[in-house]
Amino acid sequence: MGILNWFYSKGLAGAIAKDLIKKYLKLRNMYPLEEESKLVDRVWNFWLTLNKEHIIQSKDEQYIIRLEIMEDKYENNKEFITNLYQLYKTIIYIEIEILSTDGKTYDNVIKVFLNEVKKANLDYQKEYESELRTRSNFGFKA
């Protein structure tokens, strides 16, 4: 697995993945007929409720700006976050400023998520592979 992957899985990236999956699965059990996008919307709003005030009080301008960017994107386009994979990427950006353009670091963080969702019998591998193809087409290294 490599030392960096182990570090990511035990660090913030792993904690975020586990927390989102746990919340998502609880909501899915409570609302089994609800679409994934609605469940993810609830998880996003719950995450905001728990974290927004802390982020604002941190007075870390970059942290606050990242939160505001993602909130605005979501408010202007609800299709921005329609599944757990997209929500994870959004929160990873807010919390630790990792984007798909960050190459191996990003890939390692996403692999942590993919490993965690696999344990929960969820699968977002196709979304990741599609993203890899898109990045490759635009010249970003995987």
N, C-alpha and C. Protein backbone atom coordinates (compact mmCIF):
# COMPACT_ATOMS: atom_id res chain seq x y z
N MET A 1 0.83 -1.19 0.00
CA MET A 1 0.00 0.00 0.00
C MET A 1 0.87 1.25 0.00
N GLY A 2 2.03 1.20 0.54
CA GLY A 2 2.89 2.37 0.56
C GLY A 2 2.63 3.23 1.78
N ILE A 3 3.67 3.87 2.24
CA ILE A 3 3.58 4.68 3.46
C ILE A 3 2.64 5.87 3.29
N LEU A 4 2.66 6.53 2.11
CA LEU A 4 1.77 7.67 1.92
C LEU A 4 0.31 7.25 1.91
N ASN A 5 0.00 6.15 1.25
CA ASN A 5 -1.38 5.66 1.25
C ASN A 5 -1.84 5.32 2.67
N TRP A 6 -0.96 4.70 3.44
CA TRP A 6 -1.29 4.38 4.82
C TRP A 6 -1.55 5.67 5.60
N PHE A 7 -0.68 6.65 5.40
CA PHE A 7 -0.83 7.94 6.08
C PHE A 7 -2.16 8.60 5.73
N TYR A 8 -2.49 8.61 4.42
CA TYR A 8 -3.75 9.22 4.00
C TYR A 8 -4.94 8.47 4.59
N SER A 9 -4.87 7.15 4.61
CA SER A 9 -6.01 6.37 5.11
C SER A 9 -6.21 6.57 6.60
N LYS A 10 -5.14 6.82 7.33
CA LYS A 10 -5.24 7.03 8.78
C LYS A 10 -5.40 8.50 9.12
N GLY A 11 -5.17 9.37 8.17
CA GLY A 11 -5.24 10.81 8.43
C GLY A 11 -6.59 11.40 8.09
N LEU A 12 -6.57 12.67 7.78
CA LEU A 12 -7.80 13.42 7.53
C LEU A 12 -8.59 12.87 6.35
N ALA A 13 -7.91 12.49 5.28
CA ALA A 13 -8.61 11.97 4.10
C ALA A 13 -9.39 10.70 4.45
N GLY A 14 -8.78 9.81 5.21
CA GLY A 14 -9.46 8.59 5.63
C GLY A 14 -10.61 8.88 6.59
N ALA A 15 -10.40 9.80 7.51
CA ALA A 15 -11.45 10.16 8.47
C ALA A 15 -12.65 10.77 7.76
N ILE A 16 -12.39 11.63 6.77
CA ILE A 16 -13.48 12.25 6.02
C ILE A 16 -14.25 11.17 5.25
N ALA A 17 -13.53 10.28 4.59
CA ALA A 17 -14.18 9.21 3.82
C ALA A 17 -15.07 8.36 4.73
N LYS A 18 -14.53 7.93 5.85
CA LYS A 18 -15.28 7.07 6.77
C LYS A 18 -16.51 7.80 7.32
N ASP A 19 -16.35 9.06 7.66
CA ASP A 19 -17.45 9.84 8.21
C ASP A 19 -18.57 10.02 7.18
N LEU A 20 -18.22 10.38 5.96
CA LEU A 20 -19.24 10.58 4.92
C LEU A 20 -19.97 9.28 4.61
N ILE A 21 -19.23 8.19 4.51
CA ILE A 21 -19.84 6.90 4.22
C ILE A 21 -20.80 6.50 5.34
N LYS A 22 -20.37 6.69 6.58
CA LYS A 22 -21.20 6.35 7.73
C LYS A 22 -22.51 7.15 7.70
N LYS A 23 -22.42 8.43 7.47
CA LYS A 23 -23.62 9.27 7.42
C LYS A 23 -24.52 8.88 6.24
N TYR A 24 -23.90 8.63 5.10
CA TYR A 24 -24.65 8.25 3.91
C TYR A 24 -25.40 6.94 4.14
N LEU A 25 -24.73 5.95 4.70
CA LEU A 25 -25.36 4.65 4.92
C LEU A 25 -26.50 4.74 5.94
N LYS A 26 -26.32 5.54 6.97
CA LYS A 26 -27.40 5.74 7.95
C LYS A 26 -28.62 6.35 7.27
N LEU A 27 -28.39 7.37 6.46
CA LEU A 27 -29.50 8.01 5.77
C LEU A 27 -30.15 7.06 4.76
N ARG A 28 -29.33 6.27 4.09
CA ARG A 28 -29.88 5.31 3.12
C ARG A 28 -30.75 4.27 3.82
N ASN A 29 -30.36 3.88 5.02
CA ASN A 29 -31.18 2.94 5.79
C ASN A 29 -32.48 3.60 6.26
N MET A 30 -32.41 4.88 6.60
CA MET A 30 -33.61 5.60 7.06
C MET A 30 -34.55 5.89 5.90
N TYR A 31 -34.00 6.15 4.72
CA TYR A 31 -34.79 6.53 3.55
C TYR A 31 -34.40 5.64 2.37
N PRO A 32 -34.76 4.37 2.42
CA PRO A 32 -34.28 3.43 1.39
C PRO A 32 -34.78 3.72 -0.03
N LEU A 33 -35.84 4.45 -0.17
CA LEU A 33 -36.39 4.73 -1.51
C LEU A 33 -35.88 6.04 -2.10
N GLU A 34 -35.14 6.78 -1.32
CA GLU A 34 -34.66 8.09 -1.77
C GLU A 34 -33.48 7.94 -2.72
N GLU A 35 -33.44 8.81 -3.72
CA GLU A 35 -32.34 8.81 -4.70
C GLU A 35 -31.02 9.19 -4.02
N GLU A 36 -29.93 8.71 -4.62
CA GLU A 36 -28.61 9.02 -4.06
C GLU A 36 -28.37 10.51 -3.97
N SER A 37 -28.78 11.26 -4.98
CA SER A 37 -28.53 12.71 -4.97
C SER A 37 -29.22 13.39 -3.78
N LYS A 38 -30.40 12.93 -3.41
CA LYS A 38 -31.11 13.51 -2.26
C LYS A 38 -30.40 13.14 -0.95
N LEU A 39 -29.94 11.89 -0.87
CA LEU A 39 -29.22 11.47 0.32
C LEU A 39 -27.92 12.25 0.47
N VAL A 40 -27.22 12.42 -0.64
CA VAL A 40 -25.96 13.17 -0.62
C VAL A 40 -26.21 14.63 -0.26
N ASP A 41 -27.31 15.18 -0.72
CA ASP A 41 -27.68 16.55 -0.35
C ASP A 41 -27.85 16.65 1.16
N ARG A 42 -28.48 15.67 1.75
CA ARG A 42 -28.66 15.67 3.21
C ARG A 42 -27.31 15.56 3.93
N VAL A 43 -26.43 14.70 3.42
CA VAL A 43 -25.10 14.55 4.03
C VAL A 43 -24.33 15.86 3.91
N TRP A 44 -24.38 16.51 2.76
CA TRP A 44 -23.72 17.80 2.54
C TRP A 44 -24.24 18.83 3.54
N ASN A 45 -25.56 18.93 3.66
CA ASN A 45 -26.14 19.91 4.59
C ASN A 45 -25.76 19.60 6.04
N PHE A 46 -25.72 18.32 6.37
CA PHE A 46 -25.30 17.92 7.71
C PHE A 46 -23.84 18.30 7.95
N TRP A 47 -22.99 18.04 6.95
CA TRP A 47 -21.58 18.39 7.06
C TRP A 47 -21.43 19.91 7.26
N LEU A 48 -22.19 20.67 6.46
CA LEU A 48 -22.13 22.14 6.60
C LEU A 48 -22.56 22.58 8.00
N THR A 49 -23.63 21.98 8.49
CA THR A 49 -24.12 22.33 9.82
C THR A 49 -23.04 22.09 10.88
N LEU A 50 -22.32 20.99 10.76
CA LEU A 50 -21.31 20.66 11.75
C LEU A 50 -20.00 21.43 11.58
N ASN A 51 -19.68 21.86 10.36
CA ASN A 51 -18.35 22.39 10.09
C ASN A 51 -18.27 23.86 9.69
N LYS A 52 -19.31 24.42 9.16
CA LYS A 52 -19.24 25.77 8.62
C LYS A 52 -18.82 26.80 9.68
N GLU A 53 -19.46 26.75 10.82
CA GLU A 53 -19.15 27.72 11.88
C GLU A 53 -17.69 27.60 12.32
N HIS A 54 -17.21 26.38 12.44
CA HIS A 54 -15.81 26.15 12.82
C HIS A 54 -14.86 26.74 11.77
N ILE A 55 -15.19 26.54 10.50
CA ILE A 55 -14.35 27.06 9.42
C ILE A 55 -14.31 28.58 9.47
N ILE A 56 -15.46 29.20 9.66
CA ILE A 56 -15.53 30.67 9.72
C ILE A 56 -14.77 31.20 10.93
N GLN A 57 -14.91 30.54 12.06
CA GLN A 57 -14.22 30.98 13.27
C GLN A 57 -12.72 30.77 13.21
N SER A 58 -12.28 29.89 12.32
CA SER A 58 -10.84 29.63 12.20
C SER A 58 -10.08 30.85 11.72
N LYS A 59 -10.77 31.76 11.05
CA LYS A 59 -10.18 32.99 10.49
C LYS A 59 -9.08 32.70 9.47
N ASP A 60 -9.02 31.48 8.99
CA ASP A 60 -8.09 31.10 7.93
C ASP A 60 -8.74 31.48 6.61
N GLU A 61 -8.26 32.57 6.01
CA GLU A 61 -8.89 33.10 4.81
C GLU A 61 -9.01 32.09 3.68
N GLN A 62 -7.96 31.32 3.44
CA GLN A 62 -7.99 30.34 2.35
C GLN A 62 -9.04 29.26 2.61
N TYR A 63 -9.14 28.82 3.84
CA TYR A 63 -10.12 27.82 4.25
C TYR A 63 -11.54 28.34 4.02
N ILE A 64 -11.78 29.57 4.45
CA ILE A 64 -13.10 30.19 4.29
C ILE A 64 -13.42 30.38 2.82
N ILE A 65 -12.46 30.81 2.03
CA ILE A 65 -12.68 31.02 0.59
C ILE A 65 -13.02 29.70 -0.09
N ARG A 66 -12.32 28.63 0.26
CA ARG A 66 -12.62 27.32 -0.35
C ARG A 66 -14.04 26.89 -0.01
N LEU A 67 -14.45 27.10 1.23
CA LEU A 67 -15.82 26.77 1.63
C LEU A 67 -16.82 27.60 0.82
N GLU A 68 -16.59 28.90 0.72
CA GLU A 68 -17.51 29.77 -0.01
C GLU A 68 -17.59 29.40 -1.49
N ILE A 69 -16.47 29.05 -2.09
CA ILE A 69 -16.46 28.64 -3.50
C ILE A 69 -17.36 27.43 -3.69
N MET A 70 -17.21 26.43 -2.85
CA MET A 70 -17.99 25.21 -3.00
C MET A 70 -19.45 25.43 -2.66
N GLU A 71 -19.73 26.24 -1.68
CA GLU A 71 -21.13 26.56 -1.36
C GLU A 71 -21.80 27.26 -2.54
N ASP A 72 -21.10 28.23 -3.12
CA ASP A 72 -21.65 28.95 -4.27
C ASP A 72 -21.87 28.02 -5.46
N LYS A 73 -20.88 27.17 -5.73
CA LYS A 73 -21.04 26.22 -6.84
C LYS A 73 -22.27 25.35 -6.63
N TYR A 74 -22.44 24.88 -5.40
CA TYR A 74 -23.57 24.00 -5.11
C TYR A 74 -24.89 24.75 -5.19
N GLU A 75 -24.93 25.93 -4.64
CA GLU A 75 -26.17 26.72 -4.66
C GLU A 75 -26.58 27.09 -6.08
N ASN A 76 -25.61 27.34 -6.94
CA ASN A 76 -25.91 27.72 -8.32
C ASN A 76 -26.18 26.52 -9.22
N ASN A 77 -25.79 25.33 -8.78
CA ASN A 77 -25.98 24.14 -9.60
C ASN A 77 -26.05 22.91 -8.70
N LYS A 78 -27.25 22.50 -8.35
CA LYS A 78 -27.43 21.35 -7.46
C LYS A 78 -26.86 20.07 -8.07
N GLU A 79 -26.67 20.05 -9.38
CA GLU A 79 -26.09 18.87 -10.04
C GLU A 79 -24.59 18.79 -9.83
N PHE A 80 -24.01 19.79 -9.19
CA PHE A 80 -22.57 19.82 -8.92
C PHE A 80 -22.16 18.64 -8.03
N ILE A 81 -23.03 18.31 -7.07
CA ILE A 81 -22.77 17.18 -6.17
C ILE A 81 -23.98 16.26 -6.22
N THR A 82 -23.84 15.16 -6.95
CA THR A 82 -24.98 14.23 -7.07
C THR A 82 -24.69 12.85 -6.49
N ASN A 83 -23.44 12.60 -6.14
CA ASN A 83 -23.13 11.30 -5.53
C ASN A 83 -22.06 11.47 -4.46
N LEU A 84 -21.82 10.41 -3.74
CA LEU A 84 -20.89 10.43 -2.62
C LEU A 84 -19.46 10.74 -3.06
N TYR A 85 -19.10 10.28 -4.23
CA TYR A 85 -17.77 10.53 -4.78
C TYR A 85 -17.55 12.04 -4.98
N GLN A 86 -18.51 12.70 -5.57
CA GLN A 86 -18.40 14.14 -5.79
C GLN A 86 -18.40 14.90 -4.47
N LEU A 87 -19.19 14.44 -3.52
CA LEU A 87 -19.20 15.09 -2.21
C LEU A 87 -17.84 14.95 -1.53
N TYR A 88 -17.26 13.77 -1.60
CA TYR A 88 -15.94 13.56 -1.01
C TYR A 88 -14.91 14.51 -1.63
N LYS A 89 -14.91 14.60 -2.96
CA LYS A 89 -13.95 15.48 -3.63
C LYS A 89 -14.16 16.94 -3.20
N THR A 90 -15.39 17.34 -3.03
CA THR A 90 -15.71 18.70 -2.59
C THR A 90 -15.17 18.97 -1.20
N ILE A 91 -15.41 18.04 -0.30
CA ILE A 91 -14.98 18.24 1.09
C ILE A 91 -13.46 18.14 1.22
N ILE A 92 -12.85 17.25 0.44
CA ILE A 92 -11.39 17.17 0.45
C ILE A 92 -10.78 18.51 -0.01
N TYR A 93 -11.40 19.11 -1.01
CA TYR A 93 -10.91 20.42 -1.46
C TYR A 93 -11.05 21.46 -0.33
N ILE A 94 -12.20 21.49 0.30
CA ILE A 94 -12.43 22.47 1.37
C ILE A 94 -11.46 22.24 2.53
N GLU A 95 -11.36 21.01 2.98
CA GLU A 95 -10.59 20.70 4.18
C GLU A 95 -9.07 20.72 3.98
N ILE A 96 -8.59 20.16 2.87
CA ILE A 96 -7.14 20.05 2.72
C ILE A 96 -6.63 20.54 1.37
N GLU A 97 -7.48 21.22 0.63
CA GLU A 97 -7.11 21.87 -0.62
C GLU A 97 -6.39 20.93 -1.60
N ILE A 98 -7.03 19.81 -1.85
CA ILE A 98 -6.50 18.88 -2.85
C ILE A 98 -7.48 18.82 -4.01
N LEU A 99 -6.94 19.02 -5.21
CA LEU A 99 -7.73 19.01 -6.45
C LEU A 99 -7.21 17.93 -7.40
N SER A 100 -7.99 17.65 -8.42
CA SER A 100 -7.57 16.65 -9.40
C SER A 100 -6.28 17.04 -10.11
N THR A 101 -5.94 18.30 -10.13
CA THR A 101 -4.70 18.76 -10.77
C THR A 101 -3.46 18.50 -9.89
N ASP A 102 -3.67 17.96 -8.70
CA ASP A 102 -2.57 17.69 -7.78
C ASP A 102 -1.92 16.33 -7.99
N GLY A 103 -2.26 15.67 -9.09
CA GLY A 103 -1.59 14.44 -9.50
C GLY A 103 -1.65 13.30 -8.51
N LYS A 104 -0.49 12.78 -8.15
CA LYS A 104 -0.41 11.58 -7.30
C LYS A 104 -1.04 11.80 -5.92
N THR A 105 -0.87 12.97 -5.37
CA THR A 105 -1.48 13.25 -4.07
C THR A 105 -3.00 13.08 -4.15
N TYR A 106 -3.58 13.67 -5.18
CA TYR A 106 -5.03 13.55 -5.39
C TYR A 106 -5.41 12.09 -5.59
N ASP A 107 -4.67 11.38 -6.44
CA ASP A 107 -4.98 9.98 -6.71
C ASP A 107 -4.91 9.14 -5.43
N ASN A 108 -3.92 9.39 -4.60
CA ASN A 108 -3.80 8.65 -3.34
C ASN A 108 -4.99 8.93 -2.42
N VAL A 109 -5.41 10.17 -2.35
CA VAL A 109 -6.54 10.54 -1.50
C VAL A 109 -7.82 9.89 -2.04
N ILE A 110 -7.99 9.88 -3.34
CA ILE A 110 -9.18 9.26 -3.94
C ILE A 110 -9.15 7.74 -3.72
N LYS A 111 -7.97 7.14 -3.81
CA LYS A 111 -7.87 5.69 -3.58
C LYS A 111 -8.26 5.32 -2.15
N VAL A 112 -7.97 6.20 -1.21
CA VAL A 112 -8.41 5.99 0.17
C VAL A 112 -9.94 5.91 0.19
N PHE A 113 -10.58 6.85 -0.48
CA PHE A 113 -12.04 6.86 -0.54
C PHE A 113 -12.56 5.59 -1.23
N LEU A 114 -11.97 5.23 -2.36
CA LEU A 114 -12.43 4.05 -3.09
C LEU A 114 -12.30 2.78 -2.25
N ASN A 115 -11.22 2.69 -1.48
CA ASN A 115 -11.05 1.53 -0.58
C ASN A 115 -12.11 1.51 0.51
N GLU A 116 -12.43 2.67 1.05
CA GLU A 116 -13.43 2.75 2.12
C GLU A 116 -14.83 2.44 1.59
N VAL A 117 -15.18 2.97 0.42
CA VAL A 117 -16.53 2.69 -0.10
C VAL A 117 -16.66 1.22 -0.49
N LYS A 118 -15.56 0.62 -0.93
CA LYS A 118 -15.60 -0.81 -1.28
C LYS A 118 -15.95 -1.63 -0.04
N LYS A 119 -15.41 -1.25 1.10
CA LYS A 119 -15.73 -1.95 2.36
C LYS A 119 -17.21 -1.85 2.69
N ALA A 120 -17.85 -0.77 2.23
CA ALA A 120 -19.27 -0.55 2.49
C ALA A 120 -20.15 -1.06 1.35
N ASN A 121 -19.56 -1.84 0.45
CA ASN A 121 -20.27 -2.38 -0.72
C ASN A 121 -20.83 -1.30 -1.64
N LEU A 122 -20.09 -0.22 -1.75
CA LEU A 122 -20.40 0.85 -2.70
C LEU A 122 -19.27 0.87 -3.72
N ASP A 123 -19.54 1.40 -4.89
CA ASP A 123 -18.50 1.38 -5.92
C ASP A 123 -18.54 2.67 -6.75
N TYR A 124 -17.44 3.39 -6.72
CA TYR A 124 -17.30 4.61 -7.52
C TYR A 124 -16.07 4.52 -8.42
N GLN A 125 -15.60 3.32 -8.65
CA GLN A 125 -14.41 3.11 -9.47
C GLN A 125 -14.61 3.66 -10.88
N LYS A 126 -15.81 3.47 -11.46
CA LYS A 126 -16.06 3.94 -12.83
C LYS A 126 -15.99 5.46 -12.91
N GLU A 127 -16.48 6.15 -11.88
CA GLU A 127 -16.39 7.61 -11.86
C GLU A 127 -14.94 8.06 -11.83
N TYR A 128 -14.13 7.37 -11.03
CA TYR A 128 -12.71 7.71 -10.95
C TYR A 128 -12.01 7.43 -12.28
N GLU A 129 -12.29 6.29 -12.88
CA GLU A 129 -11.68 5.96 -14.17
C GLU A 129 -12.07 6.95 -15.25
N SER A 130 -13.31 7.37 -15.23
CA SER A 130 -13.77 8.39 -16.19
C SER A 130 -13.02 9.70 -15.98
N GLU A 131 -12.84 10.04 -14.72
CA GLU A 131 -12.10 11.26 -14.39
C GLU A 131 -10.63 11.15 -14.85
N LEU A 132 -10.05 9.97 -14.67
CA LEU A 132 -8.67 9.75 -15.13
C LEU A 132 -8.56 9.95 -16.64
N ARG A 133 -9.53 9.43 -17.39
CA ARG A 133 -9.52 9.61 -18.84
C ARG A 133 -9.64 11.09 -19.21
N THR A 134 -10.51 11.80 -18.53
CA THR A 134 -10.68 13.23 -18.79
C THR A 134 -9.40 13.98 -18.48
N ARG A 135 -8.79 13.69 -17.35
CA ARG A 135 -7.53 14.35 -16.99
C ARG A 135 -6.46 14.05 -18.01
N SER A 136 -6.41 12.82 -18.48
CA SER A 136 -5.43 12.41 -19.48
C SER A 136 -5.64 13.18 -20.79
N ASN A 137 -6.89 13.34 -21.16
CA ASN A 137 -7.22 14.07 -22.39
C ASN A 137 -6.80 15.54 -22.33
N PHE A 138 -6.79 16.09 -21.11
CA PHE A 138 -6.40 17.47 -20.94
C PHE A 138 -4.94 17.62 -20.57
N GLY A 139 -4.21 16.52 -20.59
CA GLY A 139 -2.77 16.58 -20.37
C GLY A 139 -2.31 16.53 -18.93
N PHE A 140 -3.24 16.26 -17.98
CA PHE A 140 -2.83 16.12 -16.58
C PHE A 140 -2.33 14.71 -16.37
N LYS A 141 -1.22 14.60 -15.65
CA LYS A 141 -0.67 13.28 -15.38
C LYS A 141 -1.40 12.62 -14.23
N ALA A 142 -1.59 11.32 -14.39
CA ALA A 142 -2.26 10.54 -13.33
C ALA A 142 -1.24 9.96 -12.38
